[in-house]
Amino acid sequence: MASNYNGDEKTDREEQEEALIALIEHRAKEVDHLRTRVAYYKSEVLLLTLLDYHFLDESEKRLEETQRKLARLKGRSNPILSTKSSQNSVKVKEERRSCSPVKTIPTDQNKNPKHEQRPQLVIPSVNPKSSAPIKIETGNKPSTSVPSYAKSIVKEKGHRISREQETVETPSKGTKRKFEQKEHVDLIQMVSSSSSPRTINCYASNHMSCQHKRKLRSLVLCPTNDQLFVTSALDGYVNLWQIQSKGSSAQLLSTSDCASPNHRRWPEDIAWHPHGGTLISVYTADNSSSQISLLNLNKPNQKTRVKFLEDKPHVKGIINTVSFMPWEDTATCFITGGSDHAVVQWSERDGEEDSWKPKVLHRSMHSSAVMGVAGMRQKQVVVSVGADKRIIGFDLGTGRADYKHQIESKCMSVLPNPCDFNLFMVQTSTPQRQLRLFDIRLRRTEIHEFGWKQESSDSQSALINQTWSPDGWYLTSGSADPMIHIFDIRFNANKPSQSIRAHQKRVFKASWHHSLPLLISISSDLNIGLHKLT
């Protein structure tokens, strides 16, 4: 009887060991899968989310716990059984190791002595196609807080989140994104490469009053705080908004009177200082009017918030556009373009608060109004486009035009891609061919074009603006109709990949949020639209 009892006990141990070995293999595959996701995100030049780190850490802990149970069970079994199970364990590891060379992912856990004895798991090499869709949920490095839209996912999975992870950053702190965090990604090779577009689902929209008395003119998102954006209108006021409830609504924080003092002109265009505390507004050069104003949002006194600069380098007409340059290795500067054909660089003076020095870059390269300006990241080149149908790339290093191109249509704006530093878009006045893509390295070559058919009118307005998605794959554009048009640059057709009916009247602009799956739009119906995406 004793012999039979020992035999039954041995059989039970063997079954337990086999079950634990199978469980180890299963959980090792789970860890491999999550590490593959991490490698995939890195290969797509995306920053890892805290959510993936959380899931990976939990899976590794479960794997270690199972391995410790197996080790304890081996300690109670006889030497022959231990040898047999060890061979099975080695066999499992060897089969998995044969998939690909070993790749290790450095983490802070490697510094912990508890993890020094952890067996090195093998993950297959990952070479995802660059045409794969990129999620737009986040474009920031992992922080000590879990994004608000990720908390519900973690809770649904049954995982615990510490108080530090549940803490959401305050509006005053925000999520900073600096120019030096950007890395070049080659997207041009995928332009117009797919016969079918990748669509985005807009599952909820909320509209609220813009709190302006006249039509809206500008919408700008804060570069240092994801919860803030501003709107401006023909009433001369600039409203500061804070996003609420994960993008479901927005709260008006302040209203500033930015109309020019003498002639009560409204801001024609607005740019947000890269440091986040100041807004630059441009006006007109007629009647000796003030051309530039600075709105300091950190000053509590409304009367001292707005400062008008004395310098007036533009000689006539409206100043149509203003844009900060993305060059982190030089002093902060912004560029303005006006109806006087001039492109002017404004540099921040050292040691002087809210003081800027203007310098005319060129005044004769355009024969008509300059409608848009932008800076290319890979080189100190200022791209300007005008009603004269010209595209000029002015090299600050050489002091001459390094890029020249002329098309058959008026140019209304220019917008560099946020990820591919050679790619930029130009808006034109040709119906159904409003958007053109160019490579700054190629002379007189258009990569792709697309546009939309307007139902309400054939006129093309310079107030209809475009924005890039954070991953660089999509463009959104307003329209003379109550529509937001979305373009997938990989789609080889000339039409929008999809269109969203967003307002009651024409849409001026629809901006992609930097970290939330959200579009924010403004319209001549005096409403702000918040559109949630998946």
Protein backbone atom coordinates (compact mmCIF):
# COMPACT_ATOMS: atom_id res chain seq x y z
CA MET A 1 0.00 0.00 0.00
CA ALA A 2 2.85 2.34 0.89
CA SER A 3 4.45 1.71 -2.49
CA ASN A 4 1.22 2.55 -4.30
CA TYR A 5 0.82 5.70 -2.19
CA ASN A 6 4.35 6.88 -3.09
CA GLY A 7 3.70 6.16 -6.74
CA ASP A 8 0.48 8.16 -6.68
CA GLU A 9 2.27 11.03 -4.92
CA LYS A 10 5.02 10.96 -7.54
CA THR A 11 2.46 11.03 -10.32
CA ASP A 12 0.73 14.02 -8.75
CA ARG A 13 4.04 15.86 -8.56
CA GLU A 14 4.79 15.10 -12.17
CA GLU A 15 1.38 16.40 -13.20
CA GLN A 16 1.90 19.53 -11.13
CA GLU A 17 5.33 20.09 -12.66
CA GLU A 18 4.01 19.60 -16.17
CA ALA A 19 1.17 21.98 -15.44
CA LEU A 20 3.56 24.59 -14.05
CA ILE A 21 5.92 24.17 -17.01
CA ALA A 22 2.99 24.70 -19.37
CA LEU A 23 1.92 27.76 -17.37
CA ILE A 24 5.48 29.14 -17.48
CA GLU A 25 5.54 28.71 -21.23
CA HIS A 26 2.17 30.45 -21.54
CA ARG A 27 3.19 33.39 -19.35
CA ALA A 28 6.58 33.65 -21.05
CA LYS A 29 4.72 34.02 -24.34
CA GLU A 30 2.57 36.70 -22.72
CA VAL A 31 5.69 38.61 -21.65
CA ASP A 32 7.17 38.15 -25.14
CA HIS A 33 4.00 39.53 -26.67
CA LEU A 34 4.11 42.66 -24.54
CA ARG A 35 7.83 43.12 -25.21
CA THR A 36 7.05 42.79 -28.90
CA ARG A 37 4.56 45.62 -28.52
CA VAL A 38 7.23 47.72 -26.84
CA ALA A 39 9.68 47.00 -29.67
CA TYR A 40 6.99 47.78 -32.23
CA TYR A 41 6.27 51.17 -30.70
CA LYS A 42 10.00 51.97 -30.63
CA SER A 43 10.37 51.01 -34.28
CA GLU A 44 7.59 53.43 -35.19
CA VAL A 45 9.42 56.21 -33.29
CA LEU A 46 6.59 56.47 -30.76
CA LEU A 47 7.14 57.10 -27.06
CA LEU A 48 6.05 54.25 -24.81
CA THR A 49 2.94 54.72 -22.73
CA LEU A 50 2.80 54.09 -19.02
CA LEU A 51 -0.04 51.68 -19.64
CA ASP A 52 2.19 49.25 -21.58
CA TYR A 53 4.83 49.42 -18.84
CA HIS A 54 2.16 48.59 -16.26
CA PHE A 55 0.89 45.53 -18.17
CA LEU A 56 4.45 44.33 -18.87
CA ASP A 57 5.45 44.65 -15.22
CA GLU A 58 2.38 42.72 -14.05
CA SER A 59 3.04 39.91 -16.56
CA GLU A 60 6.67 39.61 -15.49
CA LYS A 61 5.65 39.41 -11.84
CA ARG A 62 3.18 36.60 -12.57
CA LEU A 63 5.84 34.74 -14.55
CA GLU A 64 8.36 35.01 -11.71
CA GLU A 65 5.83 33.81 -9.16
CA THR A 66 5.05 30.74 -11.25
CA GLN A 67 8.77 29.99 -11.65
CA ARG A 68 9.28 30.19 -7.88
CA LYS A 69 6.40 27.73 -7.34
CA LEU A 70 8.05 25.32 -9.77
CA ALA A 71 11.40 25.67 -7.96
CA ARG A 72 9.76 24.92 -4.59
CA LEU A 73 8.01 21.88 -6.04
CA LYS A 74 11.29 20.62 -7.52
CA GLY A 75 12.95 20.88 -4.12
CA ARG A 76 10.49 18.36 -2.66
CA SER A 77 10.79 15.86 -5.52
CA ASN A 78 13.46 13.16 -6.02
CA PRO A 79 16.64 13.82 -8.05
CA ILE A 80 15.49 11.80 -11.05
CA LEU A 81 12.25 13.74 -11.30
CA SER A 82 14.05 17.07 -10.89
CA THR A 83 16.44 16.19 -13.70
CA LYS A 84 13.57 15.22 -15.95
CA SER A 85 11.66 18.46 -15.32
CA SER A 86 14.80 20.55 -15.76
CA GLN A 87 15.38 18.97 -19.16
CA ASN A 88 11.78 19.78 -20.10
CA SER A 89 12.27 23.39 -18.97
CA VAL A 90 15.50 23.72 -20.97
CA LYS A 91 13.78 22.20 -23.97
CA VAL A 92 11.04 24.84 -23.80
CA LYS A 93 13.61 27.65 -23.61
CA GLU A 94 15.68 26.23 -26.46
CA GLU A 95 12.66 25.95 -28.74
CA ARG A 96 11.74 29.56 -28.06
CA ARG A 97 15.32 30.78 -28.41
CA SER A 98 15.48 29.37 -31.92
CA CYS A 99 12.93 31.94 -33.13
CA SER A 100 15.37 34.86 -33.28
CA PRO A 101 18.52 36.29 -31.72
CA VAL A 102 18.28 37.50 -28.15
CA LYS A 103 17.17 41.09 -27.75
CA THR A 104 17.27 42.73 -24.36
CA ILE A 105 15.24 45.75 -23.39
CA PRO A 106 16.92 47.87 -20.71
CA THR A 107 14.65 48.79 -17.82
CA ASP A 108 15.14 50.18 -14.35
CA GLN A 109 14.24 46.75 -12.98
CA ASN A 110 17.63 45.40 -14.04
CA LYS A 111 19.17 47.42 -11.22
CA ASN A 112 17.08 45.57 -8.65
CA PRO A 113 18.83 42.49 -7.13
CA LYS A 114 15.54 40.60 -7.11
CA HIS A 115 15.57 40.53 -10.89
CA GLU A 116 19.17 39.51 -11.44
CA GLN A 117 18.29 35.79 -11.46
CA ARG A 118 15.40 36.24 -13.85
CA PRO A 119 15.87 34.05 -16.95
CA GLN A 120 16.45 36.03 -20.12
CA LEU A 121 13.40 35.66 -22.31
CA VAL A 122 13.69 35.71 -26.07
CA ILE A 123 11.46 37.84 -28.26
CA PRO A 124 11.12 37.68 -32.04
CA SER A 125 12.54 40.52 -34.08
CA VAL A 126 10.01 43.11 -35.11
CA ASN A 127 10.11 44.93 -38.43
CA PRO A 128 6.68 46.48 -38.79
CA LYS A 129 5.75 48.14 -42.02
CA SER A 130 5.92 51.90 -41.94
CA SER A 131 2.50 52.03 -43.55
CA ALA A 132 0.87 50.55 -40.46
CA PRO A 133 -1.62 52.91 -38.80
CA ILE A 134 -0.20 54.83 -35.89
CA LYS A 135 -2.33 55.51 -32.85
CA ILE A 136 -2.82 59.11 -32.00
CA GLU A 137 -3.78 58.69 -28.36
CA THR A 138 -0.49 60.04 -27.08
CA GLY A 139 2.61 61.76 -28.33
CA ASN A 140 4.44 62.25 -25.05
CA LYS A 141 6.98 60.43 -22.95
CA PRO A 142 5.66 58.34 -20.05
CA SER A 143 5.24 60.39 -16.90
CA THR A 144 4.42 59.53 -13.32
CA SER A 145 0.73 59.90 -14.09
CA VAL A 146 -1.54 57.67 -16.11
CA PRO A 147 -3.40 59.53 -18.88
CA SER A 148 -7.03 60.00 -17.93
CA TYR A 149 -8.30 58.01 -20.88
CA ALA A 150 -6.05 55.06 -19.89
CA LYS A 151 -7.28 54.77 -16.30
CA SER A 152 -10.57 53.16 -17.25
CA ILE A 153 -8.73 50.56 -19.35
CA VAL A 154 -6.48 49.62 -16.44
CA LYS A 155 -9.44 49.29 -14.10
CA GLU A 156 -11.32 47.12 -16.59
CA LYS A 157 -8.33 44.77 -16.71
CA GLY A 158 -8.50 44.40 -12.92
CA HIS A 159 -5.10 45.94 -12.26
CA ARG A 160 -4.41 48.23 -9.34
CA ILE A 161 -3.08 51.73 -9.87
CA SER A 162 -1.16 53.49 -7.15
CA ARG A 163 -2.08 56.95 -5.92
CA GLU A 164 0.96 58.38 -7.69
CA GLN A 165 -0.29 56.93 -10.99
CA GLU A 166 -3.82 58.21 -10.44
CA THR A 167 -2.62 61.78 -9.96
CA VAL A 168 -3.44 63.95 -12.98
CA GLU A 169 -1.16 66.86 -13.74
CA THR A 170 -2.56 70.26 -12.84
CA PRO A 171 -3.41 72.76 -15.58
CA SER A 172 -0.61 75.05 -14.43
CA LYS A 173 1.98 72.34 -14.98
CA GLY A 174 0.68 70.64 -18.11
CA THR A 175 2.56 68.27 -20.38
CA LYS A 176 5.58 69.86 -22.02
CA ARG A 177 6.66 69.12 -25.57
CA LYS A 178 9.93 70.69 -26.69
CA PHE A 179 11.44 70.93 -30.14
CA GLU A 180 14.41 68.75 -29.19
CA GLN A 181 12.08 65.85 -28.37
CA LYS A 182 11.16 65.53 -32.04
CA GLU A 183 12.89 62.96 -34.22
CA HIS A 184 12.76 62.73 -37.98
CA VAL A 185 10.56 59.99 -39.45
CA ASP A 186 10.57 59.23 -43.17
CA LEU A 187 6.91 59.45 -44.20
CA ILE A 188 7.44 60.67 -47.76
CA GLN A 189 8.08 57.18 -49.10
CA MET A 190 4.56 56.17 -48.02
CA VAL A 191 2.75 59.14 -49.57
CA SER A 192 0.07 58.01 -52.05
CA SER A 193 1.05 54.34 -51.57
CA SER A 194 -2.31 52.86 -50.58
CA SER A 195 -5.50 52.36 -52.59
CA SER A 196 -7.67 52.42 -49.48
CA PRO A 197 -7.66 55.06 -46.71
CA ARG A 198 -7.46 54.45 -43.00
CA THR A 199 -10.48 56.09 -41.46
CA ILE A 200 -10.98 57.53 -37.98
CA ASN A 201 -14.19 57.11 -36.03
CA CYS A 202 -15.73 60.27 -34.59
CA TYR A 203 -18.13 58.85 -32.02
CA ALA A 204 -19.14 61.97 -30.06
CA SER A 205 -19.29 65.74 -30.61
CA ASN A 206 -20.06 68.56 -28.25
CA HIS A 207 -20.67 72.18 -29.24
CA MET A 208 -20.53 75.22 -27.01
CA SER A 209 -20.63 78.96 -27.46
CA CYS A 210 -17.28 80.60 -28.23
CA GLN A 211 -18.23 83.58 -25.99
CA HIS A 212 -17.18 86.00 -28.76
CA LYS A 213 -19.47 88.72 -30.11
CA ARG A 214 -18.19 88.52 -33.68
CA LYS A 215 -16.92 85.82 -36.01
CA LEU A 216 -14.00 83.67 -34.95
CA ARG A 217 -10.60 84.12 -36.55
CA SER A 218 -7.99 81.89 -34.82
CA LEU A 219 -7.65 78.68 -32.79
CA VAL A 220 -4.26 77.84 -31.21
CA LEU A 221 -3.36 75.00 -28.81
CA CYS A 222 -0.86 75.60 -26.01
CA PRO A 223 2.58 74.05 -26.73
CA THR A 224 3.36 73.35 -23.05
CA ASN A 225 0.00 72.47 -21.48
CA ASP A 226 -2.32 70.00 -23.19
CA GLN A 227 -5.36 71.31 -21.36
CA LEU A 228 -5.23 74.88 -22.72
CA PHE A 229 -6.15 76.55 -26.01
CA VAL A 230 -7.12 80.05 -27.14
CA THR A 231 -9.58 81.52 -29.62
CA SER A 232 -9.67 84.98 -31.16
CA ALA A 233 -12.34 86.81 -33.13
CA LEU A 234 -13.17 90.01 -34.97
CA ASP A 235 -14.25 91.57 -31.66
CA GLY A 236 -10.54 91.88 -30.74
CA TYR A 237 -10.74 89.57 -27.73
CA VAL A 238 -8.63 86.49 -27.04
CA ASN A 239 -10.29 83.81 -24.88
CA LEU A 240 -8.30 81.25 -22.89
CA TRP A 241 -9.96 77.83 -22.49
CA GLN A 242 -9.27 74.76 -20.37
CA ILE A 243 -10.32 71.30 -21.59
CA GLN A 244 -12.55 69.42 -19.13
CA SER A 245 -13.65 65.79 -18.67
CA LYS A 246 -11.20 64.18 -21.12
CA GLY A 247 -12.30 66.46 -23.93
CA SER A 248 -16.06 66.39 -23.35
CA SER A 249 -16.22 70.12 -22.65
CA ALA A 250 -14.11 73.25 -22.08
CA GLN A 251 -14.20 76.02 -19.49
CA LEU A 252 -13.51 79.69 -20.23
CA LEU A 253 -10.66 80.81 -17.95
CA SER A 254 -10.07 84.40 -19.05
CA THR A 255 -10.83 87.00 -21.70
CA SER A 256 -8.25 89.58 -22.84
CA ASP A 257 -8.86 92.67 -24.95
CA CYS A 258 -6.14 92.53 -27.64
CA ALA A 259 -7.57 95.08 -30.07
CA SER A 260 -4.99 97.63 -31.23
CA PRO A 261 -5.19 100.82 -29.15
CA ASN A 262 -5.74 103.47 -31.83
CA HIS A 263 -7.78 101.82 -34.55
CA ARG A 264 -9.27 98.90 -32.60
CA ARG A 265 -8.00 96.32 -35.07
CA TRP A 266 -8.40 92.64 -34.22
CA PRO A 267 -5.52 90.12 -34.33
CA GLU A 268 -5.15 88.77 -37.86
CA ASP A 269 -3.17 85.74 -36.68
CA ILE A 270 -1.84 84.39 -33.37
CA ALA A 271 1.17 82.25 -32.40
CA TRP A 272 1.92 80.76 -28.98
CA HIS A 273 5.41 81.24 -27.57
CA PRO A 274 7.19 77.84 -27.24
CA HIS A 275 7.58 78.42 -23.49
CA GLY A 276 3.82 78.76 -23.14
CA GLY A 277 3.41 82.01 -21.21
CA THR A 278 2.97 84.51 -24.05
CA LEU A 279 0.86 84.90 -27.17
CA ILE A 280 2.04 86.89 -30.22
CA SER A 281 -0.64 88.65 -32.29
CA VAL A 282 -0.20 90.43 -35.62
CA TYR A 283 -2.30 93.30 -36.99
CA THR A 284 -1.84 95.74 -39.88
CA ALA A 285 0.78 98.21 -41.10
CA ASP A 286 -1.70 100.82 -42.32
CA ASN A 287 -2.22 104.18 -40.59
CA SER A 288 0.92 103.73 -38.43
CA SER A 289 -0.99 101.13 -36.43
CA SER A 290 0.71 98.81 -33.93
CA GLN A 291 1.89 95.71 -35.75
CA ILE A 292 2.72 93.22 -32.95
CA SER A 293 1.24 92.66 -29.50
CA LEU A 294 2.36 90.40 -26.64
CA LEU A 295 -0.26 88.86 -24.35
CA ASN A 296 1.35 87.68 -21.09
CA LEU A 297 -1.05 85.12 -19.63
CA ASN A 298 0.84 84.96 -16.33
CA LYS A 299 -0.03 88.53 -15.37
CA PRO A 300 -3.21 88.75 -13.27
CA ASN A 301 -3.91 92.41 -14.13
CA GLN A 302 -5.89 92.64 -17.36
CA LYS A 303 -4.61 96.15 -18.10
CA THR A 304 -0.93 95.13 -18.02
CA ARG A 305 -1.32 91.80 -19.84
CA VAL A 306 -1.14 93.21 -23.37
CA LYS A 307 1.94 95.06 -24.62
CA PHE A 308 2.31 96.53 -28.13
CA LEU A 309 5.77 96.64 -29.71
CA GLU A 310 7.06 99.96 -31.03
CA ASP A 311 8.94 98.52 -34.03
CA LYS A 312 7.04 98.65 -37.34
CA PRO A 313 9.07 96.90 -40.06
CA HIS A 314 6.08 96.20 -42.35
CA VAL A 315 5.26 99.22 -44.49
CA LYS A 316 1.66 98.70 -45.61
CA GLY A 317 -1.30 96.37 -45.64
CA ILE A 318 -2.35 93.49 -43.39
CA ILE A 319 0.18 91.26 -41.65
CA ASN A 320 -1.31 87.93 -42.67
CA THR A 321 0.66 85.33 -40.75
CA VAL A 322 2.97 84.69 -37.79
CA SER A 323 4.85 81.52 -36.86
CA PHE A 324 7.56 80.56 -34.35
CA MET A 325 10.61 78.77 -35.73
CA PRO A 326 11.43 75.22 -34.53
CA TRP A 327 15.19 75.63 -34.12
CA GLU A 328 16.30 74.64 -30.63
CA ASP A 329 19.98 75.52 -31.14
CA THR A 330 19.33 79.23 -31.77
CA ALA A 331 17.62 82.09 -29.97
CA THR A 332 13.83 82.03 -29.98
CA CYS A 333 12.40 83.86 -32.98
CA PHE A 334 9.20 84.16 -34.97
CA ILE A 335 8.49 85.14 -38.57
CA THR A 336 5.79 87.41 -39.96
CA GLY A 337 4.58 87.77 -43.54
CA GLY A 338 2.56 90.69 -44.86
CA SER A 339 0.73 92.24 -47.76
CA ASP A 340 3.79 94.42 -48.36
CA HIS A 341 5.55 91.30 -49.79
CA ALA A 342 7.92 91.26 -46.79
CA VAL A 343 9.09 88.39 -44.62
CA VAL A 344 10.38 89.64 -41.25
CA GLN A 345 12.30 87.78 -38.53
CA TRP A 346 11.72 88.84 -34.90
CA SER A 347 14.43 87.70 -32.46
CA GLU A 348 14.15 87.71 -28.69
CA ARG A 349 16.58 90.17 -27.11
CA ASP A 350 18.74 88.71 -24.34
CA GLY A 351 18.09 90.05 -20.87
CA GLU A 352 15.08 92.11 -21.90
CA GLU A 353 11.63 90.87 -20.97
CA ASP A 354 9.05 90.92 -23.77
CA SER A 355 11.50 92.61 -26.13
CA TRP A 356 11.93 91.59 -29.77
CA LYS A 357 14.19 92.89 -32.54
CA PRO A 358 12.89 92.79 -36.15
CA LYS A 359 14.98 92.07 -39.25
CA VAL A 360 13.62 92.05 -42.80
CA LEU A 361 14.71 88.79 -44.47
CA HIS A 362 13.44 89.77 -47.92
CA ARG A 363 10.95 92.15 -49.45
CA SER A 364 11.36 91.54 -53.19
CA MET A 365 11.24 87.75 -53.61
CA HIS A 366 7.45 87.87 -53.62
CA SER A 367 5.55 90.10 -56.02
CA SER A 368 2.32 89.97 -54.03
CA ALA A 369 1.06 89.43 -50.47
CA VAL A 370 2.84 86.84 -48.35
CA MET A 371 0.06 84.59 -47.01
CA GLY A 372 1.97 81.94 -45.03
CA VAL A 373 5.38 81.37 -43.37
CA ALA A 374 6.93 78.35 -41.64
CA GLY A 375 10.31 77.03 -40.54
CA MET A 376 11.78 73.67 -41.59
CA ARG A 377 13.35 71.70 -38.74
CA GLN A 378 16.27 69.99 -40.45
CA LYS A 379 17.79 73.28 -41.58
CA GLN A 380 17.32 76.97 -40.85
CA VAL A 381 15.10 77.57 -43.86
CA VAL A 382 12.06 79.85 -43.77
CA VAL A 383 9.40 78.79 -46.28
CA SER A 384 7.03 81.53 -47.42
CA VAL A 385 4.10 81.29 -49.83
CA GLY A 386 2.18 84.10 -51.47
CA ALA A 387 -0.69 85.23 -53.63
CA ASP A 388 1.90 85.50 -56.43
CA LYS A 389 1.81 81.65 -56.63
CA ARG A 390 5.44 81.42 -55.42
CA ILE A 391 6.98 79.11 -52.82
CA ILE A 392 10.27 80.47 -51.46
CA GLY A 393 12.67 78.68 -49.11
CA PHE A 394 15.02 81.29 -47.62
CA ASP A 395 18.24 79.93 -46.05
CA LEU A 396 19.22 82.05 -43.04
CA GLY A 397 22.77 80.69 -43.12
CA THR A 398 23.52 81.85 -46.67
CA GLY A 399 21.10 84.77 -46.75
CA ARG A 400 19.55 83.72 -50.06
CA ALA A 401 16.70 81.64 -51.47
CA ASP A 402 17.66 77.97 -51.38
CA TYR A 403 14.32 76.73 -52.72
CA LYS A 404 12.12 78.34 -55.39
CA HIS A 405 8.97 77.02 -56.96
CA GLN A 406 5.96 78.54 -58.70
CA ILE A 407 2.64 76.83 -59.24
CA GLU A 408 -0.46 77.72 -61.26
CA SER A 409 -2.55 78.80 -58.27
CA LYS A 410 -2.46 81.32 -55.42
CA CYS A 411 -0.87 79.99 -52.24
CA MET A 412 -2.72 80.70 -49.01
CA SER A 413 -0.76 78.93 -46.26
CA VAL A 414 2.13 76.55 -45.61
CA LEU A 415 2.42 73.88 -42.92
CA PRO A 416 5.44 71.59 -42.23
CA ASN A 417 4.84 67.97 -41.25
CA PRO A 418 5.53 67.38 -37.52
CA CYS A 419 7.41 64.09 -38.07
CA ASP A 420 9.00 64.17 -41.53
CA PHE A 421 11.18 67.28 -41.53
CA ASN A 422 11.41 67.34 -45.35
CA LEU A 423 7.67 67.25 -45.97
CA PHE A 424 5.44 70.33 -46.07
CA MET A 425 1.95 71.19 -47.27
CA VAL A 426 0.79 74.25 -49.23
CA GLN A 427 -2.83 75.35 -49.43
CA THR A 428 -3.87 76.70 -52.82
CA SER A 429 -6.97 78.35 -54.31
CA THR A 430 -7.72 75.64 -56.90
CA PRO A 431 -11.01 73.81 -56.16
CA GLN A 432 -10.60 70.06 -55.55
CA ARG A 433 -6.81 70.59 -55.54
CA GLN A 434 -6.54 72.77 -52.46
CA LEU A 435 -3.77 70.84 -50.69
CA ARG A 436 -0.34 70.08 -52.21
CA LEU A 437 2.53 68.09 -50.67
CA PHE A 438 6.18 68.98 -51.37
CA ASP A 439 9.63 67.66 -50.45
CA ILE A 440 12.03 70.49 -49.58
CA ARG A 441 14.86 68.44 -51.15
CA LEU A 442 13.19 68.22 -54.57
CA ARG A 443 13.03 71.26 -56.84
CA ARG A 444 9.80 72.01 -58.65
CA THR A 445 8.30 68.64 -57.78
CA GLU A 446 4.88 68.04 -56.30
CA ILE A 447 4.56 64.76 -54.37
CA HIS A 448 0.79 64.56 -54.12
CA GLU A 449 -2.30 66.72 -54.25
CA PHE A 450 -5.81 66.41 -52.90
CA GLY A 451 -8.82 68.53 -52.12
CA TRP A 452 -12.57 68.68 -51.86
CA LYS A 453 -15.59 69.91 -53.77
CA GLN A 454 -17.35 72.83 -52.11
CA GLU A 455 -21.14 72.88 -52.19
CA SER A 456 -21.74 76.40 -50.92
CA SER A 457 -19.37 78.42 -53.13
CA ASP A 458 -16.32 78.22 -55.37
CA SER A 459 -14.32 80.90 -53.55
CA GLN A 460 -11.31 79.70 -51.58
CA SER A 461 -10.78 81.52 -48.28
CA ALA A 462 -7.40 82.06 -46.65
CA LEU A 463 -9.19 81.75 -43.30
CA ILE A 464 -9.77 78.02 -43.94
CA ASN A 465 -6.77 76.46 -42.20
CA GLN A 466 -5.22 73.00 -41.97
CA THR A 467 -3.48 71.06 -39.19
CA TRP A 468 -1.38 67.89 -39.10
CA SER A 469 -2.14 64.97 -36.79
CA PRO A 470 0.61 64.36 -34.16
CA ASP A 471 1.81 61.24 -36.02
CA GLY A 472 2.07 63.10 -39.34
CA TRP A 473 -0.17 60.75 -41.32
CA TYR A 474 -3.34 62.86 -41.44
CA LEU A 475 -4.33 66.39 -42.40
CA THR A 476 -7.52 68.10 -41.35
CA SER A 477 -8.96 71.09 -43.14
CA GLY A 478 -11.84 73.42 -42.58
CA SER A 479 -14.25 74.13 -45.40
CA ALA A 480 -16.67 76.74 -46.73
CA ASP A 481 -19.24 74.04 -45.93
CA PRO A 482 -20.01 72.84 -42.37
CA MET A 483 -17.54 69.99 -42.78
CA ILE A 484 -14.18 68.86 -41.42
CA HIS A 485 -12.26 67.10 -44.16
CA ILE A 486 -9.67 64.50 -43.15
CA PHE A 487 -6.91 63.39 -45.53
CA ASP A 488 -4.73 60.28 -45.16
CA ILE A 489 -1.50 61.12 -47.01
CA ARG A 490 -1.03 57.38 -47.76
CA PHE A 491 -4.30 57.36 -49.75
CA ASN A 492 -3.57 57.61 -53.49
CA ALA A 493 -6.86 59.32 -54.34
CA ASN A 494 -7.32 63.08 -54.58
CA LYS A 495 -10.36 63.23 -52.32
CA PRO A 496 -10.70 63.24 -48.52
CA SER A 497 -10.38 59.92 -46.78
CA GLN A 498 -13.46 60.99 -44.82
CA SER A 499 -15.53 64.07 -43.98
CA ILE A 500 -17.27 64.92 -40.71
CA ARG A 501 -20.30 67.20 -40.54
CA ALA A 502 -19.20 69.29 -37.57
CA HIS A 503 -21.08 72.63 -37.53
CA GLN A 504 -24.03 74.56 -38.93
CA LYS A 505 -21.88 76.96 -40.97
CA ARG A 506 -18.42 76.94 -42.51
CA VAL A 507 -15.54 75.52 -40.48
CA PHE A 508 -12.45 77.71 -40.16
CA LYS A 509 -10.13 75.21 -38.52
CA ALA A 510 -10.01 71.79 -36.84
CA SER A 511 -6.92 71.18 -34.66
CA TRP A 512 -5.67 67.79 -33.48
CA HIS A 513 -5.10 67.59 -29.75
CA HIS A 514 -1.52 66.64 -28.84
CA SER A 515 -2.31 63.76 -26.46
CA LEU A 516 -6.08 63.13 -26.39
CA PRO A 517 -7.96 61.48 -29.28
CA LEU A 518 -9.75 64.76 -29.93
CA LEU A 519 -10.38 67.34 -32.65
CA ILE A 520 -11.17 70.95 -31.67
CA SER A 521 -12.90 73.07 -34.30
CA ILE A 522 -14.14 76.65 -34.74
CA SER A 523 -16.85 77.84 -37.09
CA SER A 524 -18.68 80.95 -38.27
CA ASP A 525 -21.70 79.64 -36.34
CA LEU A 526 -19.87 81.07 -33.25
CA ASN A 527 -19.43 77.61 -31.71
CA ILE A 528 -16.43 75.57 -30.63
CA GLY A 529 -16.68 71.88 -31.47
CA LEU A 530 -15.07 69.08 -29.44
CA HIS A 531 -15.00 65.84 -31.43
CA LYS A 532 -13.90 62.59 -29.78
CA LEU A 533 -12.06 60.07 -31.95
CA THR A 534 -11.16 56.41 -31.86
